[in-house]
Protein backbone atom coordinates (compact mmCIF):
# COMPACT_ATOMS: atom_id res chain seq x y z
CA MET A 1 13.99 -26.14 21.13
CA ARG A 2 16.35 -26.94 24.14
CA GLU A 3 19.25 -27.87 21.82
CA GLN A 4 18.84 -24.37 20.04
CA PRO A 5 19.31 -22.01 22.61
CA TYR A 6 19.58 -18.81 20.25
CA LEU A 7 16.45 -19.93 18.73
CA ALA A 8 14.81 -19.86 21.92
CA LYS A 9 16.28 -16.88 22.93
CA PHE A 10 15.04 -15.01 19.67
CA LEU A 11 11.37 -16.44 20.29
CA SER A 12 11.27 -14.93 23.76
CA ALA A 13 12.56 -11.62 22.47
CA PHE A 14 10.14 -11.98 19.51
CA PHE A 15 7.14 -12.76 21.97
CA ILE A 16 8.03 -9.80 24.12
CA TYR A 17 8.65 -7.18 21.48
CA THR A 18 5.72 -8.44 19.38
CA MET A 19 3.19 -7.80 22.57
CA GLY A 20 4.14 -4.03 22.27
CA LEU A 21 4.23 -3.65 18.48
CA ARG A 22 0.96 -5.30 17.58
CA THR A 23 -0.90 -3.81 20.67
CA VAL A 24 0.14 -0.44 19.19
CA MET A 25 -1.22 -1.39 15.83
CA TYR A 26 -4.61 -2.18 17.33
CA VAL A 27 -4.86 0.69 19.77
CA ALA A 28 -3.61 3.52 17.91
CA THR A 29 -6.63 4.86 16.44
CA ILE A 30 -8.50 4.23 19.83
CA PHE A 31 -5.90 6.21 21.61
CA GLY A 32 -5.95 9.15 19.12
CA ALA A 33 -9.90 9.39 19.43
CA THR A 34 -9.90 9.09 23.06
CA GLU A 35 -7.03 11.02 24.16
CA LEU A 36 -6.19 13.69 21.52
CA LYS A 37 -10.01 13.80 20.29
CA LEU A 38 -9.36 13.31 17.07
CA PRO A 39 -12.11 13.21 14.19
CA SER A 40 -13.09 10.29 12.33
CA GLN A 41 -11.47 11.81 9.04
CA SER A 42 -8.06 12.44 11.01
CA LEU A 43 -7.95 8.83 12.12
CA ILE A 44 -8.66 7.69 8.31
CA VAL A 45 -5.52 9.55 7.30
CA THR A 46 -3.56 8.07 10.19
CA VAL A 47 -4.26 4.44 8.97
CA LEU A 48 -3.57 5.62 5.07
CA LEU A 49 -0.23 7.18 6.43
CA ILE A 50 1.12 4.01 8.13
CA GLN A 51 0.11 1.70 5.22
CA LEU A 52 1.83 4.04 2.79
CA VAL A 53 5.15 4.79 4.97
CA GLY A 54 5.32 0.95 6.01
CA ILE A 55 6.07 0.23 2.19
CA ALA A 56 8.96 2.36 2.56
CA GLY A 57 9.93 1.04 5.80
CA SER A 58 10.14 -2.58 4.49
CA TYR A 59 12.74 -1.76 1.69
CA THR A 60 14.51 0.26 4.53
CA PHE A 61 14.87 -2.33 6.97
CA ALA A 62 15.71 -5.06 4.28
CA TRP A 63 18.71 -2.87 3.23
CA LEU A 64 19.60 -2.15 6.93
CA SER A 65 19.64 -5.94 7.47
CA GLY A 66 22.08 -6.41 4.67
CA LYS A 67 24.34 -3.82 5.75
CA ILE A 68 24.60 -4.67 9.60
CA GLY A 69 22.67 -7.91 10.09
CA ASN A 70 19.26 -8.87 10.97
CA ILE A 71 19.62 -8.68 14.93
CA TYR A 72 21.36 -5.17 15.03
CA ALA A 73 18.34 -3.96 12.34
CA LEU A 74 15.94 -5.57 14.71
CA MET A 75 17.37 -3.96 17.93
CA ILE A 76 17.51 -0.37 15.83
CA GLY A 77 13.70 -1.21 15.12
CA VAL A 78 12.61 -2.12 18.52
CA ALA A 79 14.69 1.07 20.01
CA VAL A 80 12.47 3.22 17.33
CA TRP A 81 9.36 1.78 19.05
CA ILE A 82 10.77 2.92 22.48
CA GLY A 83 10.68 6.20 21.14
CA ILE A 84 7.64 5.85 19.51
CA CYS A 85 6.01 5.04 22.97
CA THR A 86 7.92 8.00 24.67
CA GLY A 87 6.53 10.35 22.17
CA ALA A 88 3.03 9.15 22.12
CA TYR A 89 2.98 9.58 25.71
CA TYR A 90 3.75 13.16 25.60
CA THR A 91 1.75 13.96 22.24
CA THR A 92 -0.88 16.57 22.63
CA GLU A 93 -1.56 17.82 19.06
CA ALA A 94 -2.83 16.23 16.04
CA MET A 95 0.11 16.77 14.12
CA GLU A 96 2.75 15.13 16.25
CA PHE A 97 0.24 12.06 16.36
CA TYR A 98 0.71 12.06 12.48
CA VAL A 99 4.41 12.18 12.79
CA ILE A 100 4.06 9.14 15.13
CA ALA A 101 2.13 7.52 12.83
CA CYS A 102 4.48 7.76 9.84
CA THR A 103 7.33 6.33 12.56
CA VAL A 104 4.94 3.47 13.23
CA GLY A 105 4.86 2.77 9.39
CA MET A 106 8.60 2.82 8.88
CA VAL A 107 9.24 0.25 11.59
CA MET A 108 6.04 -1.86 11.56
CA GLY A 109 6.02 -3.54 8.52
CA GLY A 110 10.06 -3.75 8.35
CA ILE A 111 10.29 -5.17 11.64
CA GLN A 112 7.61 -7.92 10.95
CA SER A 113 8.96 -9.28 7.87
CA LEU A 114 12.57 -8.94 9.52
CA SER A 115 11.78 -11.19 12.49
CA ARG A 116 10.30 -14.04 10.25
CA SER A 117 13.39 -13.76 8.14
CA THR A 118 15.46 -14.00 11.55
CA TYR A 119 13.75 -16.85 12.64
CA SER A 120 14.15 -18.94 9.34
CA LYS A 121 17.86 -18.24 9.57
CA LEU A 122 18.27 -19.47 12.94
CA ILE A 123 16.50 -22.96 12.13
CA PRO A 124 18.97 -25.58 11.98
CA GLU A 125 19.72 -26.09 8.21
CA ASN A 126 19.40 -29.90 8.36
CA ILE A 127 15.83 -30.06 9.94
CA PRO A 128 13.70 -31.49 7.00
CA ASP A 129 10.21 -30.27 8.24
CA THR A 130 10.28 -26.68 9.29
CA ALA A 131 6.43 -26.46 9.11
CA SER A 132 6.24 -27.06 12.95
CA TYR A 133 8.90 -24.56 13.62
CA PHE A 134 6.98 -21.75 11.78
CA SER A 135 3.34 -23.01 13.53
CA PHE A 136 5.23 -22.59 16.72
CA TYR A 137 6.08 -19.04 15.64
CA ASP A 138 2.66 -18.16 14.42
CA VAL A 139 1.15 -19.51 17.99
CA THR A 140 3.77 -17.26 19.90
CA GLU A 141 2.69 -14.26 17.88
CA LYS A 142 -0.91 -14.73 18.36
CA LEU A 143 -0.29 -15.25 22.04
CA ALA A 144 1.67 -12.22 22.30
CA ILE A 145 -1.09 -10.17 20.63
CA VAL A 146 -3.77 -11.63 23.43
CA ILE A 147 -1.49 -10.84 26.17
CA GLY A 148 -0.22 -7.26 24.91
CA THR A 149 -3.94 -5.88 24.28
CA PHE A 150 -4.57 -7.26 27.93
CA ILE A 151 -1.71 -5.65 29.62
CA TYR A 152 -2.71 -2.24 27.58
CA GLY A 153 -6.26 -2.62 28.63
CA PHE A 154 -5.56 -3.64 32.33
CA VAL A 155 -3.50 -0.67 32.96
CA GLU A 156 -5.77 1.61 31.38
CA HIS A 157 -8.26 0.14 33.59
CA ILE A 158 -6.60 0.41 36.92
CA THR A 159 -5.16 3.97 36.02
CA GLY A 160 -7.91 5.39 34.16
CA SER A 161 -5.29 6.68 31.29
CA MET A 162 -4.14 5.37 28.09
CA ARG A 163 -0.77 7.16 28.42
CA ASN A 164 -0.06 5.34 31.13
CA SER A 165 -0.86 2.07 28.96
CA ILE A 166 1.44 3.56 26.66
CA LEU A 167 4.23 3.47 29.50
CA ALA A 168 3.63 0.02 30.00
CA LEU A 169 4.65 -0.98 26.20
CA LEU A 170 7.48 1.08 26.45
CA VAL A 171 8.65 -1.02 29.34
CA ILE A 172 7.76 -4.14 27.36
CA PHE A 173 9.86 -2.68 24.44
CA VAL A 174 12.78 -1.99 26.48
CA ILE A 175 12.71 -5.55 27.87
CA GLY A 176 12.33 -6.80 24.35
CA LEU A 177 15.52 -4.96 23.27
CA MET A 178 17.63 -6.39 26.23
CA LEU A 179 16.57 -9.98 25.16
CA LEU A 180 17.64 -9.47 21.34
CA TYR A 181 20.95 -7.98 22.81
CA ARG A 182 21.68 -11.53 23.91
CA ILE A 183 21.36 -12.98 20.56
CA PRO A 184 24.61 -13.25 18.50
CA SER A 185 24.86 -12.99 14.71
CA ARG A 186 23.73 -15.79 12.52
CA LYS A 187 27.61 -16.64 11.52
CA VAL A 188 28.17 -17.01 15.24
CA TYR A 189 25.28 -19.14 15.80
CA HIS A 190 25.88 -21.75 13.01
CA PHE A 191 29.59 -21.92 14.25
CA GLU A 192 28.68 -23.18 17.76
CA LEU A 193 25.80 -25.21 16.40
CA ASP A 194 28.55 -26.99 14.04
CA ARG A 195 30.81 -27.32 17.00
CA ASN A 196 28.40 -29.01 19.51
CA LYS A 197 27.90 -31.54 16.94
CA ASN A 198 31.45 -32.56 16.65
């Protein structure tokens, strides 16, 4: 990993924004039930909205990455997550919550598939065994889930409000966006990799 600095930079960015992304996925319905007092039927509708819109979101991000590149598409996705956290902090009505749920669906599936695709493109082409790379990727994702949900629960515990936990996730996404900004395009990455070999 030391010989592939851009791969390490991407993993660090992926680790950070995945903490926020997966935590939102796990606590969205809990937030709706606790903070907005939404009934079970409304929460079921929310889950369905996220799943349905997620299909369109995956195609949208695939198209976007083809136009502007994976890293810039991921940066847009993380920026949308920052907007989602901002909206969730101020939301008080069920309809507002549904709009946020639709937005979550748009970026949820897209950013996950795009992250894995980006990671695979950053792996050097002459590596015969990529299984260990993807194992490390999966471990990073699982660790991000654990730490992200811990941070969310810890902030809620010490402040007594899930809205403050949302602010903590917003900060996490901002850090993730800043880390993504340090990563060049795939073309630049492979140019520098080849230059270092020569």
